[in-house]
C-alpha atoms as a PDB file:
ATOM      1  CA  UNK A   1     109.551 100.041  86.114  1.00  0.00           C
ATOM      2  CA  UNK A   2     108.719  99.546  82.480  1.00  0.00           C
ATOM      3  CA  UNK A   3     111.412  99.625  79.818  1.00  0.00           C
ATOM      4  CA  UNK A   4     110.379 102.968  78.225  1.00  0.00           C
ATOM      5  CA  UNK A   5     110.379 104.670  81.626  1.00  0.00           C
ATOM      6  CA  UNK A   6     113.866 103.286  82.319  1.00  0.00           C
ATOM      7  CA  UNK A   7     115.121 104.630  78.975  1.00  0.00           C
ATOM      8  CA  UNK A   8     113.680 108.101  79.689  1.00  0.00           C
ATOM      9  CA  UNK A   9     115.141 108.182  83.205  1.00  0.00           C
ATOM     10  CA  UNK A  10     118.512 107.052  81.815  1.00  0.00           C
ATOM     11  CA  UNK A  11     118.478 109.783  79.171  1.00  0.00           C
ATOM     12  CA  UNK A  12     117.547 112.451  81.734  1.00  0.00           C
ATOM     13  CA  UNK A  13     120.425 111.288  83.959  1.00  0.00           C
ATOM     14  CA  UNK A  14     122.814 111.364  81.002  1.00  0.00           C
ATOM     15  CA  UNK A  15     121.771 114.907  80.095  1.00  0.00           C
ATOM     16  CA  UNK A  16     122.164 115.926  83.736  1.00  0.00           C
ATOM     17  CA  UNK A  17     125.676 114.545  83.947  1.00  0.00           C
ATOM     18  CA  UNK A  18     126.607 116.238  80.661  1.00  0.00           C
ATOM     19  CA  UNK A  19     125.281 119.593  81.862  1.00  0.00           C
ATOM     20  CA  UNK A  20     127.106 119.263  85.185  1.00  0.00           C
ATOM     21  CA  UNK A  21     130.433 118.465  83.543  1.00  0.00           C
ATOM     22  CA  UNK A  22     130.050 121.459  81.168  1.00  0.00           C
ATOM     23  CA  UNK A  23     129.337 123.711  84.149  1.00  0.00           C
ATOM     24  CA  UNK A  24     132.342 122.395  86.096  1.00  0.00           C
ATOM     25  CA  UNK A  25     134.692 122.904  83.111  1.00  0.00           C
ATOM     26  CA  UNK A  26     133.424 126.458  82.669  1.00  0.00           C
ATOM     27  CA  UNK A  27     133.965 127.116  86.376  1.00  0.00           C
ATOM     28  CA  UNK A  28     137.537 125.769  86.154  1.00  0.00           C
ATOM     29  CA  UNK A  29     138.332 127.953  83.138  1.00  0.00           C
ATOM     30  CA  UNK A  30     136.878 131.005  84.941  1.00  0.00           C
ATOM     31  CA  UNK A  31     139.104 130.284  87.931  1.00  0.00           C
ATOM     32  CA  UNK A  32     142.124 129.898  85.670  1.00  0.00           C
ATOM     33  CA  UNK A  33     141.442 133.241  83.939  1.00  0.00           C
ATOM     34  CA  UNK A  34     141.292 135.003  87.312  1.00  0.00           C
ATOM     35  CA  UNK A  35     144.560 133.356  88.341  1.00  0.00           C
ATOM     36  CA  UNK A  36     146.242 134.440  85.085  1.00  0.00           C
ATOM     37  CA  UNK A  37     145.088 138.039  85.460  1.00  0.00           C
ATOM     38  CA  UNK A  38     146.282 138.188  89.091  1.00  0.00           C
ATOM     39  CA  UNK A  39     149.589 136.642  88.103  1.00  0.00           C
ATOM     40  CA  UNK A  40     150.225 139.132  85.292  1.00  0.00           C
ATOM     41  CA  UNK A  41     149.174 142.064  87.517  1.00  0.00           C
ATOM     42  CA  UNK A  42     151.461 140.911  90.346  1.00  0.00           C
ATOM     43  CA  UNK A  43     154.377 140.714  87.909  1.00  0.00           C
ATOM     44  CA  UNK A  44     153.407 144.141  86.469  1.00  0.00           C
ATOM     45  CA  UNK A  45     153.233 142.745  82.928  1.00  0.00           C
ATOM     46  CA  UNK A  46     151.163 145.476  81.332  1.00  0.00           C
ATOM     47  CA  UNK A  47     152.854 146.062  77.989  1.00  0.00           C
ATOM     48  CA  UNK A  48     155.101 144.186  75.541  1.00  0.00           C
ATOM     49  CA  UNK A  49     158.240 145.576  77.191  1.00  0.00           C
ATOM     50  CA  UNK A  50     157.332 144.153  80.630  1.00  0.00           C
ATOM     51  CA  UNK A  51     155.895 140.867  79.295  1.00  0.00           C
ATOM     52  CA  UNK A  52     156.742 137.729  81.259  1.00  0.00           C
ATOM     53  CA  UNK A  53     156.966 134.028  80.512  1.00  0.00           C
ATOM     54  CA  UNK A  54     154.241 131.904  82.086  1.00  0.00           C
ATOM     55  CA  UNK A  55     155.212 128.357  83.042  1.00  0.00           C
ATOM     56  CA  UNK A  56     151.673 127.054  82.582  1.00  0.00           C
ATOM     57  CA  UNK A  57     151.304 128.470  79.046  1.00  0.00           C
ATOM     58  CA  UNK A  58     152.390 125.190  77.448  1.00  0.00           C
ATOM     59  CA  UNK A  59     150.501 121.945  77.830  1.00  0.00           C
ATOM     60  CA  UNK A  60     152.465 118.903  78.847  1.00  0.00           C
ATOM     61  CA  UNK A  61     152.721 116.320  76.071  1.00  0.00           C
ATOM     62  CA  UNK A  62     152.283 113.488  78.576  1.00  0.00           C
ATOM     63  CA  UNK A  63     149.087 114.941  80.157  1.00  0.00           C
ATOM     64  CA  UNK A  64     149.520 112.968  83.371  1.00  0.00           C
ATOM     65  CA  UNK A  65     147.578 113.972  86.443  1.00  0.00           C
ATOM     66  CA  UNK A  66     144.956 116.707  86.768  1.00  0.00           C
ATOM     67  CA  UNK A  67     143.805 118.589  83.704  1.00  0.00           C
ATOM     68  CA  UNK A  68     145.496 121.974  83.235  1.00  0.00           C
ATOM     69  CA  UNK A  69     142.923 124.660  82.365  1.00  0.00           C
ATOM     70  CA  UNK A  70     145.453 127.501  82.467  1.00  0.00           C
ATOM     71  CA  UNK A  71     146.820 126.912  78.985  1.00  0.00           C
ATOM     72  CA  UNK A  72     143.353 126.714  77.479  1.00  0.00           C
ATOM     73  CA  UNK A  73     142.198 129.814  79.332  1.00  0.00           C
ATOM     74  CA  UNK A  74     145.328 131.678  78.284  1.00  0.00           C
ATOM     75  CA  UNK A  75     144.735 130.817  74.591  1.00  0.00           C
ATOM     76  CA  UNK A  76     141.157 132.075  74.907  1.00  0.00           C
ATOM     77  CA  UNK A  77     142.288 135.297  76.575  1.00  0.00           C
ATOM     78  CA  UNK A  78     144.830 135.934  73.837  1.00  0.00           C
ATOM     79  CA  UNK A  79     142.208 135.361  71.141  1.00  0.00           C
ATOM     80  CA  UNK A  80     139.798 137.771  72.890  1.00  0.00           C
ATOM     81  CA  UNK A  81     142.443 140.476  73.284  1.00  0.00           C
ATOM     82  CA  UNK A  82     142.567 140.510  77.083  1.00  0.00           C
ATOM     83  CA  UNK A  83     146.124 139.179  77.151  1.00  0.00           C
ATOM     84  CA  UNK A  84     148.803 139.958  74.570  1.00  0.00           C
ATOM     85  CA  UNK A  85     151.511 137.628  73.391  1.00  0.00           C
ATOM     86  CA  UNK A  86     154.894 138.740  72.129  1.00  0.00           C
ATOM     87  CA  UNK A  87     156.868 136.999  69.399  1.00  0.00           C
ATOM     88  CA  UNK A  88     159.102 135.476  72.018  1.00  0.00           C
ATOM     89  CA  UNK A  89     156.264 133.703  73.776  1.00  0.00           C
ATOM     90  CA  UNK A  90     155.865 136.159  76.642  1.00  0.00           C
ATOM     91  CA  UNK A  91     152.496 137.426  77.875  1.00  0.00           C
ATOM     92  CA  UNK A  92     151.157 140.729  79.180  1.00  0.00           C
ATOM     93  CA  UNK A  93     147.833 142.311  80.062  1.00  0.00           C
ATOM     94  CA  UNK A  94     146.338 144.349  77.250  1.00  0.00           C
ATOM     95  CA  UNK A  95     143.142 145.414  78.980  1.00  0.00           C
ATOM     96  CA  UNK A  96     143.012 147.168  82.327  1.00  0.00           C
ATOM     97  CA  UNK A  97     140.823 144.995  84.528  1.00  0.00           C
ATOM     98  CA  UNK A  98     138.634 147.109  86.872  1.00  0.00           C
ATOM     99  CA  UNK A  99     138.576 146.373  90.584  1.00  0.00           C
ATOM    100  CA  UNK A 100     135.830 144.099  91.827  1.00  0.00           C
ATOM    101  CA  UNK A 101     134.353 146.744  94.155  1.00  0.00           C
ATOM    102  CA  UNK A 102     133.001 150.048  92.860  1.00  0.00           C
ATOM    103  CA  UNK A 103     134.313 153.172  94.576  1.00  0.00           C
ATOM    104  CA  UNK A 104     132.369 154.338  97.634  1.00  0.00           C
ATOM    105  CA  UNK A 105     130.376 157.534  97.294  1.00  0.00           C
END
Protein backbone atom coordinates (compact mmCIF):
# COMPACT_ATOMS: atom_id res chain seq x y z
CA UNK A 1 0.00 0.00 0.00
CA UNK A 2 1.25 3.46 -0.74
CA UNK A 3 1.89 5.95 2.03
CA UNK A 4 -1.07 8.29 1.27
CA UNK A 5 -3.47 5.34 1.28
CA UNK A 6 -2.09 4.19 4.63
CA UNK A 7 -2.60 7.68 6.08
CA UNK A 8 -6.20 7.82 4.84
CA UNK A 9 -6.96 4.33 6.20
CA UNK A 10 -5.38 5.29 9.52
CA UNK A 11 -7.47 8.47 9.76
CA UNK A 12 -10.66 6.55 8.94
CA UNK A 13 -9.86 4.02 11.64
CA UNK A 14 -9.13 6.81 14.12
CA UNK A 15 -12.46 8.50 13.36
CA UNK A 16 -14.23 5.16 13.69
CA UNK A 17 -12.73 4.50 17.12
CA UNK A 18 -13.60 8.03 18.25
CA UNK A 19 -17.23 7.64 17.10
CA UNK A 20 -17.50 4.23 18.78
CA UNK A 21 -16.21 5.52 22.12
CA UNK A 22 -18.61 8.49 22.01
CA UNK A 23 -21.49 6.10 21.32
CA UNK A 24 -20.48 3.80 24.19
CA UNK A 25 -20.16 6.70 26.66
CA UNK A 26 -23.61 7.95 25.64
CA UNK A 27 -25.03 4.47 26.10
CA UNK A 28 -23.47 4.20 29.59
CA UNK A 29 -24.89 7.59 30.63
CA UNK A 30 -28.32 6.57 29.32
CA UNK A 31 -28.18 3.38 31.39
CA UNK A 32 -27.12 5.38 34.44
CA UNK A 33 -30.05 7.81 34.06
CA UNK A 34 -32.50 4.90 33.90
CA UNK A 35 -30.93 3.40 37.02
CA UNK A 36 -31.18 6.72 38.88
CA UNK A 37 -34.83 7.19 37.95
CA UNK A 38 -35.72 3.64 39.03
CA UNK A 39 -33.79 4.10 42.27
CA UNK A 40 -35.58 7.35 43.14
CA UNK A 41 -38.98 5.86 42.22
CA UNK A 42 -38.34 2.76 44.34
CA UNK A 43 -37.46 4.96 47.32
CA UNK A 44 -40.52 7.14 46.62
CA UNK A 45 -38.42 10.31 46.47
CA UNK A 46 -40.86 12.55 44.61
CA UNK A 47 -40.59 15.86 46.46
CA UNK A 48 -38.10 17.74 48.66
CA UNK A 49 -39.62 16.27 51.83
CA UNK A 50 -39.06 12.67 50.71
CA UNK A 51 -35.65 13.31 49.11
CA UNK A 52 -32.96 10.70 49.69
CA UNK A 53 -29.19 10.61 49.69
CA UNK A 54 -27.62 8.73 46.80
CA UNK A 55 -24.31 7.00 47.49
CA UNK A 56 -23.15 7.33 43.89
CA UNK A 57 -23.76 11.09 43.74
CA UNK A 58 -20.17 11.91 44.64
CA UNK A 59 -17.19 10.91 42.54
CA UNK A 60 -14.34 9.16 44.26
CA UNK A 61 -11.20 11.31 44.45
CA UNK A 62 -9.02 8.27 43.74
CA UNK A 63 -10.96 7.21 40.61
CA UNK A 64 -9.71 3.63 40.81
CA UNK A 65 -11.48 0.94 38.81
CA UNK A 66 -14.35 1.32 36.37
CA UNK A 67 -15.59 4.77 35.45
CA UNK A 68 -18.69 5.87 37.37
CA UNK A 69 -21.25 7.42 35.02
CA UNK A 70 -23.91 7.81 37.72
CA UNK A 71 -22.49 11.02 39.16
CA UNK A 72 -22.16 12.62 35.73
CA UNK A 73 -25.67 11.52 34.72
CA UNK A 74 -27.07 12.83 38.01
CA UNK A 75 -25.45 16.24 37.47
CA UNK A 76 -26.94 16.38 33.97
CA UNK A 77 -30.40 15.39 35.24
CA UNK A 78 -30.28 18.09 37.92
CA UNK A 79 -29.29 20.72 35.37
CA UNK A 80 -32.15 19.65 33.06
CA UNK A 81 -34.73 19.72 35.87
CA UNK A 82 -35.57 16.01 35.86
CA UNK A 83 -34.11 15.50 39.32
CA UNK A 84 -34.13 18.07 42.11
CA UNK A 85 -31.45 18.59 44.72
CA UNK A 86 -32.06 19.90 48.21
CA UNK A 87 -29.67 22.11 50.14
CA UNK A 88 -28.62 19.11 52.20
CA UNK A 89 -27.44 17.16 49.18
CA UNK A 90 -30.47 14.90 48.85
CA UNK A 91 -32.17 14.11 45.54
CA UNK A 92 -35.76 13.63 44.38
CA UNK A 93 -37.67 13.26 41.12
CA UNK A 94 -39.14 16.52 39.86
CA UNK A 95 -40.71 15.18 36.68
CA UNK A 96 -43.17 12.30 36.57
CA UNK A 97 -41.66 9.76 34.18
CA UNK A 98 -44.35 8.07 32.05
CA UNK A 99 -44.46 4.30 31.83
CA UNK A 100 -42.67 2.73 28.90
CA UNK A 101 -45.82 1.08 27.53
CA UNK A 102 -48.85 3.12 26.42
CA UNK A 103 -52.19 2.06 27.90
CA UNK A 104 -54.09 -0.57 25.92
CA UNK A 105 -57.26 0.54 24.18
